[in-house]
């Protein structure tokens, strides 16, 4: 099953941004440093025909609905996604009994 975060609404936003990039020729990656790769706004320019992603101000995992989606370069978006995934996995692990000696887990 496809991820609902990338459904019809996501595709419409992506098409609208693609048309805008084509119209103006290029746009600056809108990552503002959340990815951890740089401070301040990313300097990467996204041009018509380049690969790019829709970055989000608030990630889907944290209640975002994608309406704040803007063009991000793939590097920033993937780095931010990795950070979100790591944070989400760490939060789940914290609820378990990690850290016990291995011997105590064997029958």
C-alpha atoms as a PDB file:
ATOM      1  CA  UNK A   1       0.000   0.000   0.000  1.00  0.00           C
ATOM      2  CA  UNK A   2       1.318   3.438  -0.903  1.00  0.00           C
ATOM      3  CA  UNK A   3       2.182   5.893   1.837  1.00  0.00           C
ATOM      4  CA  UNK A   4      -0.848   8.220   2.234  1.00  0.00           C
ATOM      5  CA  UNK A   5       1.522  11.164   2.717  1.00  0.00           C
ATOM      6  CA  UNK A   6       2.337  10.911  -0.999  1.00  0.00           C
ATOM      7  CA  UNK A   7      -1.236  10.730  -2.288  1.00  0.00           C
ATOM      8  CA  UNK A   8      -3.234  13.056  -4.502  1.00  0.00           C
ATOM      9  CA  UNK A   9      -2.714  16.204  -2.421  1.00  0.00           C
ATOM     10  CA  UNK A  10       1.069  15.670  -2.385  1.00  0.00           C
ATOM     11  CA  UNK A  11       1.133  15.101  -6.137  1.00  0.00           C
ATOM     12  CA  UNK A  12      -0.904  18.274  -6.764  1.00  0.00           C
ATOM     13  CA  UNK A  13       1.483  20.353  -4.617  1.00  0.00           C
ATOM     14  CA  UNK A  14       4.459  18.842  -6.417  1.00  0.00           C
ATOM     15  CA  UNK A  15       2.945  19.604  -9.839  1.00  0.00           C
ATOM     16  CA  UNK A  16       2.193  23.183  -8.777  1.00  0.00           C
ATOM     17  CA  UNK A  17       5.786  23.698  -7.580  1.00  0.00           C
ATOM     18  CA  UNK A  18       7.162  22.072 -10.754  1.00  0.00           C
ATOM     19  CA  UNK A  19       5.140  24.544 -12.840  1.00  0.00           C
ATOM     20  CA  UNK A  20       6.445  27.440 -10.737  1.00  0.00           C
ATOM     21  CA  UNK A  21      10.066  26.295 -11.092  1.00  0.00           C
ATOM     22  CA  UNK A  22       9.595  25.938 -14.850  1.00  0.00           C
ATOM     23  CA  UNK A  23       7.994  29.398 -15.034  1.00  0.00           C
ATOM     24  CA  UNK A  24      10.729  31.238 -13.128  1.00  0.00           C
ATOM     25  CA  UNK A  25      13.635  28.993 -14.180  1.00  0.00           C
ATOM     26  CA  UNK A  26      15.058  28.204 -10.748  1.00  0.00           C
ATOM     27  CA  UNK A  27      14.293  28.389  -7.048  1.00  0.00           C
ATOM     28  CA  UNK A  28      16.477  28.130  -3.967  1.00  0.00           C
ATOM     29  CA  UNK A  29      16.159  25.027  -1.767  1.00  0.00           C
ATOM     30  CA  UNK A  30      13.875  26.102   1.075  1.00  0.00           C
ATOM     31  CA  UNK A  31      15.588  24.082   3.838  1.00  0.00           C
ATOM     32  CA  UNK A  32      16.464  26.480   6.660  1.00  0.00           C
ATOM     33  CA  UNK A  33      19.069  24.271   8.340  1.00  0.00           C
ATOM     34  CA  UNK A  34      16.768  21.647   9.868  1.00  0.00           C
ATOM     35  CA  UNK A  35      18.627  18.956   7.918  1.00  0.00           C
ATOM     36  CA  UNK A  36      21.847  19.574   9.844  1.00  0.00           C
ATOM     37  CA  UNK A  37      23.933  19.896   6.672  1.00  0.00           C
ATOM     38  CA  UNK A  38      24.241  23.705   6.838  1.00  0.00           C
ATOM     39  CA  UNK A  39      23.254  26.756   8.873  1.00  0.00           C
ATOM     40  CA  UNK A  40      20.567  29.088   7.568  1.00  0.00           C
ATOM     41  CA  UNK A  41      18.961  28.584   4.197  1.00  0.00           C
ATOM     42  CA  UNK A  42      20.510  26.026   1.846  1.00  0.00           C
ATOM     43  CA  UNK A  43      22.345  27.642  -1.066  1.00  0.00           C
ATOM     44  CA  UNK A  44      21.405  24.930  -3.590  1.00  0.00           C
ATOM     45  CA  UNK A  45      19.466  26.232  -6.569  1.00  0.00           C
ATOM     46  CA  UNK A  46      16.812  23.938  -8.029  1.00  0.00           C
ATOM     47  CA  UNK A  47      16.379  24.391 -11.760  1.00  0.00           C
ATOM     48  CA  UNK A  48      13.737  23.117 -14.140  1.00  0.00           C
ATOM     49  CA  UNK A  49      14.657  19.508 -14.928  1.00  0.00           C
ATOM     50  CA  UNK A  50      16.647  18.932 -11.701  1.00  0.00           C
ATOM     51  CA  UNK A  51      15.660  16.271  -9.193  1.00  0.00           C
ATOM     52  CA  UNK A  52      14.082  17.793  -6.088  1.00  0.00           C
ATOM     53  CA  UNK A  53      11.835  16.810  -3.174  1.00  0.00           C
ATOM     54  CA  UNK A  54       9.018  18.428  -1.243  1.00  0.00           C
ATOM     55  CA  UNK A  55      10.354  19.344   2.175  1.00  0.00           C
ATOM     56  CA  UNK A  56       7.966  19.939   5.079  1.00  0.00           C
ATOM     57  CA  UNK A  57       7.982  22.426   7.919  1.00  0.00           C
ATOM     58  CA  UNK A  58       6.209  19.860  10.100  1.00  0.00           C
ATOM     59  CA  UNK A  59       6.805  16.211   9.246  1.00  0.00           C
ATOM     60  CA  UNK A  60       3.868  13.867   8.688  1.00  0.00           C
ATOM     61  CA  UNK A  61       4.996  11.788  11.701  1.00  0.00           C
ATOM     62  CA  UNK A  62       4.510  14.852  13.904  1.00  0.00           C
ATOM     63  CA  UNK A  63       1.102  15.925  12.640  1.00  0.00           C
ATOM     64  CA  UNK A  64       2.058  17.849   9.512  1.00  0.00           C
ATOM     65  CA  UNK A  65      -0.402  17.784   6.626  1.00  0.00           C
ATOM     66  CA  UNK A  66       1.969  18.794   3.830  1.00  0.00           C
ATOM     67  CA  UNK A  67       0.416  22.190   3.209  1.00  0.00           C
ATOM     68  CA  UNK A  68       3.761  23.739   4.170  1.00  0.00           C
ATOM     69  CA  UNK A  69       5.595  21.730   1.470  1.00  0.00           C
ATOM     70  CA  UNK A  70       8.277  23.594  -0.450  1.00  0.00           C
ATOM     71  CA  UNK A  71      11.029  22.488  -2.851  1.00  0.00           C
ATOM     72  CA  UNK A  72      14.108  21.061  -1.160  1.00  0.00           C
ATOM     73  CA  UNK A  73      17.222  19.597  -2.743  1.00  0.00           C
ATOM     74  CA  UNK A  74      17.405  15.806  -2.335  1.00  0.00           C
ATOM     75  CA  UNK A  75      20.364  16.017   0.074  1.00  0.00           C
ATOM     76  CA  UNK A  76      18.548  18.242   2.558  1.00  0.00           C
ATOM     77  CA  UNK A  77      15.293  16.303   2.388  1.00  0.00           C
ATOM     78  CA  UNK A  78      16.979  12.921   2.835  1.00  0.00           C
ATOM     79  CA  UNK A  79      19.112  14.190   5.723  1.00  0.00           C
ATOM     80  CA  UNK A  80      16.036  15.641   7.450  1.00  0.00           C
ATOM     81  CA  UNK A  81      14.127  12.400   6.860  1.00  0.00           C
ATOM     82  CA  UNK A  82      16.986  10.430   8.383  1.00  0.00           C
ATOM     83  CA  UNK A  83      16.952  12.646  11.460  1.00  0.00           C
ATOM     84  CA  UNK A  84      13.180  12.227  11.841  1.00  0.00           C
ATOM     85  CA  UNK A  85      13.431   8.458  11.410  1.00  0.00           C
ATOM     86  CA  UNK A  86      16.223   8.167  13.966  1.00  0.00           C
ATOM     87  CA  UNK A  87      14.345  10.323  16.476  1.00  0.00           C
ATOM     88  CA  UNK A  88      11.174   8.256  15.954  1.00  0.00           C
ATOM     89  CA  UNK A  89      13.050   4.944  16.428  1.00  0.00           C
ATOM     90  CA  UNK A  90      14.778   6.205  19.583  1.00  0.00           C
ATOM     91  CA  UNK A  91      11.426   7.270  21.053  1.00  0.00           C
ATOM     92  CA  UNK A  92       9.993   3.793  20.458  1.00  0.00           C
ATOM     93  CA  UNK A  93      13.039   2.064  21.965  1.00  0.00           C
ATOM     94  CA  UNK A  94      12.854   4.132  25.122  1.00  0.00           C
ATOM     95  CA  UNK A  95       9.638   2.385  26.098  1.00  0.00           C
ATOM     96  CA  UNK A  96      11.337  -1.039  26.150  1.00  0.00           C
ATOM     97  CA  UNK A  97      13.703  -2.645  28.628  1.00  0.00           C
ATOM     98  CA  UNK A  98      16.860  -1.971  26.638  1.00  0.00           C
ATOM     99  CA  UNK A  99      20.147  -2.001  28.427  1.00  0.00           C
ATOM    100  CA  UNK A 100      19.569  -5.130  30.485  1.00  0.00           C
ATOM    101  CA  UNK A 101      22.462  -7.587  30.415  1.00  0.00           C
ATOM    102  CA  UNK A 102      22.103 -10.222  27.691  1.00  0.00           C
ATOM    103  CA  UNK A 103      22.319 -12.987  30.302  1.00  0.00           C
ATOM    104  CA  UNK A 104      19.051 -11.798  31.880  1.00  0.00           C
ATOM    105  CA  UNK A 105      17.251 -12.244  28.564  1.00  0.00           C
ATOM    106  CA  UNK A 106      18.137 -15.913  28.082  1.00  0.00           C
ATOM    107  CA  UNK A 107      15.944 -18.689  29.596  1.00  0.00           C
END
